[in-house]
C-alpha atoms as a PDB file:
ATOM      1  CA  UNK A   1      33.792   6.958 -13.783  1.00  0.00           C
ATOM      2  CA  UNK A   2      31.853   7.409 -10.530  1.00  0.00           C
ATOM      3  CA  UNK A   3      32.960   5.651  -7.321  1.00  0.00           C
ATOM      4  CA  UNK A   4      30.879   2.856  -5.889  1.00  0.00           C
ATOM      5  CA  UNK A   5      28.175   4.053  -3.490  1.00  0.00           C
ATOM      6  CA  UNK A   6      28.883   3.669   0.184  1.00  0.00           C
ATOM      7  CA  UNK A   7      27.745   0.231   1.415  1.00  0.00           C
ATOM      8  CA  UNK A   8      25.295   1.767   3.935  1.00  0.00           C
ATOM      9  CA  UNK A   9      23.028   2.508   0.985  1.00  0.00           C
ATOM     10  CA  UNK A  10      22.453  -1.284   0.770  1.00  0.00           C
ATOM     11  CA  UNK A  11      20.957  -1.523   4.249  1.00  0.00           C
ATOM     12  CA  UNK A  12      17.287  -2.462   4.389  1.00  0.00           C
ATOM     13  CA  UNK A  13      15.439   0.414   5.999  1.00  0.00           C
ATOM     14  CA  UNK A  14      12.858  -1.943   7.554  1.00  0.00           C
ATOM     15  CA  UNK A  15      15.594  -3.954   9.192  1.00  0.00           C
ATOM     16  CA  UNK A  16      17.287  -0.975  10.735  1.00  0.00           C
ATOM     17  CA  UNK A  17      14.911  -1.346  13.679  1.00  0.00           C
ATOM     18  CA  UNK A  18      16.602  -3.529  16.335  1.00  0.00           C
ATOM     19  CA  UNK A  19      13.286  -5.221  17.137  1.00  0.00           C
ATOM     20  CA  UNK A  20      12.511  -6.095  13.481  1.00  0.00           C
ATOM     21  CA  UNK A  21      16.104  -7.211  12.968  1.00  0.00           C
ATOM     22  CA  UNK A  22      15.783  -9.471  16.035  1.00  0.00           C
ATOM     23  CA  UNK A  23      12.538 -10.981  14.716  1.00  0.00           C
ATOM     24  CA  UNK A  24      14.044 -11.691  11.274  1.00  0.00           C
ATOM     25  CA  UNK A  25      17.274 -13.079  12.758  1.00  0.00           C
ATOM     26  CA  UNK A  26      15.286 -15.456  14.969  1.00  0.00           C
ATOM     27  CA  UNK A  27      13.138 -16.594  12.049  1.00  0.00           C
ATOM     28  CA  UNK A  28      16.198 -17.129   9.884  1.00  0.00           C
ATOM     29  CA  UNK A  29      17.188 -20.058  12.090  1.00  0.00           C
ATOM     30  CA  UNK A  30      13.896 -21.993  11.731  1.00  0.00           C
ATOM     31  CA  UNK A  31      11.358 -22.967   9.124  1.00  0.00           C
ATOM     32  CA  UNK A  32       8.604 -21.185  11.065  1.00  0.00           C
ATOM     33  CA  UNK A  33       7.841 -20.119  14.627  1.00  0.00           C
ATOM     34  CA  UNK A  34       4.639 -19.776  16.598  1.00  0.00           C
ATOM     35  CA  UNK A  35       3.774 -16.272  17.771  1.00  0.00           C
ATOM     36  CA  UNK A  36       4.065 -16.942  21.513  1.00  0.00           C
ATOM     37  CA  UNK A  37       7.455 -18.688  21.190  1.00  0.00           C
ATOM     38  CA  UNK A  38       8.835 -15.936  18.939  1.00  0.00           C
ATOM     39  CA  UNK A  39       7.758 -13.264  21.370  1.00  0.00           C
ATOM     40  CA  UNK A  40       9.343 -15.122  24.275  1.00  0.00           C
ATOM     41  CA  UNK A  41      12.638 -15.695  22.482  1.00  0.00           C
ATOM     42  CA  UNK A  42      13.078 -12.015  21.611  1.00  0.00           C
ATOM     43  CA  UNK A  43      11.456 -10.749  24.827  1.00  0.00           C
ATOM     44  CA  UNK A  44       8.556  -8.769  23.267  1.00  0.00           C
ATOM     45  CA  UNK A  45       5.027  -8.172  24.464  1.00  0.00           C
ATOM     46  CA  UNK A  46       2.278  -9.570  22.239  1.00  0.00           C
ATOM     47  CA  UNK A  47       1.300  -6.015  21.111  1.00  0.00           C
ATOM     48  CA  UNK A  48       4.886  -4.997  20.256  1.00  0.00           C
ATOM     49  CA  UNK A  49       5.393  -8.269  18.350  1.00  0.00           C
ATOM     50  CA  UNK A  50       2.152  -7.892  16.522  1.00  0.00           C
ATOM     51  CA  UNK A  51       2.910  -4.273  15.491  1.00  0.00           C
ATOM     52  CA  UNK A  52       6.342  -5.189  14.196  1.00  0.00           C
ATOM     53  CA  UNK A  53       5.147  -8.285  12.393  1.00  0.00           C
ATOM     54  CA  UNK A  54       2.523  -6.165  10.618  1.00  0.00           C
ATOM     55  CA  UNK A  55       5.293  -3.939   9.275  1.00  0.00           C
ATOM     56  CA  UNK A  56       7.371  -6.965   8.206  1.00  0.00           C
ATOM     57  CA  UNK A  57       4.357  -8.559   6.566  1.00  0.00           C
ATOM     58  CA  UNK A  58       3.518  -5.335   4.717  1.00  0.00           C
ATOM     59  CA  UNK A  59       7.088  -5.330   3.349  1.00  0.00           C
ATOM     60  CA  UNK A  60       6.641  -9.008   2.360  1.00  0.00           C
ATOM     61  CA  UNK A  61       9.525 -10.037   4.599  1.00  0.00           C
ATOM     62  CA  UNK A  62       7.439 -12.474   6.670  1.00  0.00           C
ATOM     63  CA  UNK A  63       4.253 -14.408   6.079  1.00  0.00           C
ATOM     64  CA  UNK A  64       1.703 -15.117   8.813  1.00  0.00           C
ATOM     65  CA  UNK A  65      -0.525 -18.166   8.940  1.00  0.00           C
ATOM     66  CA  UNK A  66      -3.375 -18.598  11.401  1.00  0.00           C
ATOM     67  CA  UNK A  67      -4.807 -21.956  12.343  1.00  0.00           C
ATOM     68  CA  UNK A  68      -5.850 -24.151  15.260  1.00  0.00           C
ATOM     69  CA  UNK A  69      -4.367 -26.956  17.269  1.00  0.00           C
ATOM     70  CA  UNK A  70      -6.814 -28.835  19.484  1.00  0.00           C
ATOM     71  CA  UNK A  71      -9.327 -26.033  19.028  1.00  0.00           C
ATOM     72  CA  UNK A  72      -6.874 -23.455  20.258  1.00  0.00           C
ATOM     73  CA  UNK A  73      -6.003 -20.621  17.863  1.00  0.00           C
ATOM     74  CA  UNK A  74      -2.354 -20.507  16.796  1.00  0.00           C
ATOM     75  CA  UNK A  75      -0.385 -18.066  14.651  1.00  0.00           C
ATOM     76  CA  UNK A  76       2.796 -19.102  12.829  1.00  0.00           C
ATOM     77  CA  UNK A  77       5.323 -16.757  11.319  1.00  0.00           C
ATOM     78  CA  UNK A  78       7.976 -17.468   8.724  1.00  0.00           C
ATOM     79  CA  UNK A  79      10.394 -15.605   6.532  1.00  0.00           C
ATOM     80  CA  UNK A  80       9.358 -15.319   2.883  1.00  0.00           C
ATOM     81  CA  UNK A  81      12.011 -16.148   0.299  1.00  0.00           C
ATOM     82  CA  UNK A  82      12.255 -12.392  -0.383  1.00  0.00           C
ATOM     83  CA  UNK A  83      12.575 -11.808   3.385  1.00  0.00           C
ATOM     84  CA  UNK A  84      15.419 -14.304   3.732  1.00  0.00           C
ATOM     85  CA  UNK A  85      17.182 -12.648   0.814  1.00  0.00           C
ATOM     86  CA  UNK A  86      16.606  -9.157   2.279  1.00  0.00           C
ATOM     87  CA  UNK A  87      18.028 -10.314   5.615  1.00  0.00           C
ATOM     88  CA  UNK A  88      21.212 -11.748   4.076  1.00  0.00           C
ATOM     89  CA  UNK A  89      21.656  -8.652   1.836  1.00  0.00           C
ATOM     90  CA  UNK A  90      21.208  -6.441   4.894  1.00  0.00           C
ATOM     91  CA  UNK A  91      23.872  -8.408   6.814  1.00  0.00           C
ATOM     92  CA  UNK A  92      26.282  -8.140   3.862  1.00  0.00           C
ATOM     93  CA  UNK A  93      25.714  -4.392   3.641  1.00  0.00           C
ATOM     94  CA  UNK A  94      26.304  -4.081   7.359  1.00  0.00           C
ATOM     95  CA  UNK A  95      29.520  -6.065   7.147  1.00  0.00           C
ATOM     96  CA  UNK A  96      30.711  -3.982   4.196  1.00  0.00           C
ATOM     97  CA  UNK A  97      29.831  -0.744   6.038  1.00  0.00           C
ATOM     98  CA  UNK A  98      31.826  -1.787   9.033  1.00  0.00           C
ATOM     99  CA  UNK A  99      34.832  -3.110   7.112  1.00  0.00           C
ATOM    100  CA  UNK A 100      35.184   0.007   4.968  1.00  0.00           C
ATOM    101  CA  UNK A 101      34.804   2.459   7.820  1.00  0.00           C
ATOM    102  CA  UNK A 102      38.329   3.849   7.498  1.00  0.00           C
ATOM    103  CA  UNK A 103      39.080   3.291   3.840  1.00  0.00           C
ATOM    104  CA  UNK A 104      40.447   6.399   2.292  1.00  0.00           C
ATOM    105  CA  UNK A 105      40.908   8.157   5.618  1.00  0.00           C
ATOM    106  CA  UNK A 106      44.306   8.947   7.014  1.00  0.00           C
ATOM    107  CA  UNK A 107      44.473   8.499  10.759  1.00  0.00           C
ATOM    108  CA  UNK A 108      46.164  11.241  12.734  1.00  0.00           C
ATOM    109  CA  UNK A 109      47.680  10.446  16.014  1.00  0.00           C
END
């Protein structure tokens, strides 16, 4: 019988980036956010936000919708259902990784 794999193996590689994790965490609290507000909340330049959103969209963690309000272009971002699930699974793996840090180790002192 093989032991269970270490919980760190459950971490989502895309969400290991602090910037992408910040984006997903912010989006987890709302239905959707406009691009400018999202960038302001997590203190990112437009170019850095755009680059990281492209990665998240490629991984199907977020969806991006473009439109107009009063003839002004707007971009909205939201977590996909799979993205929300990935975020929660990542948090659980992180919690498990932290909580099992010393299991099986004898502390010397």
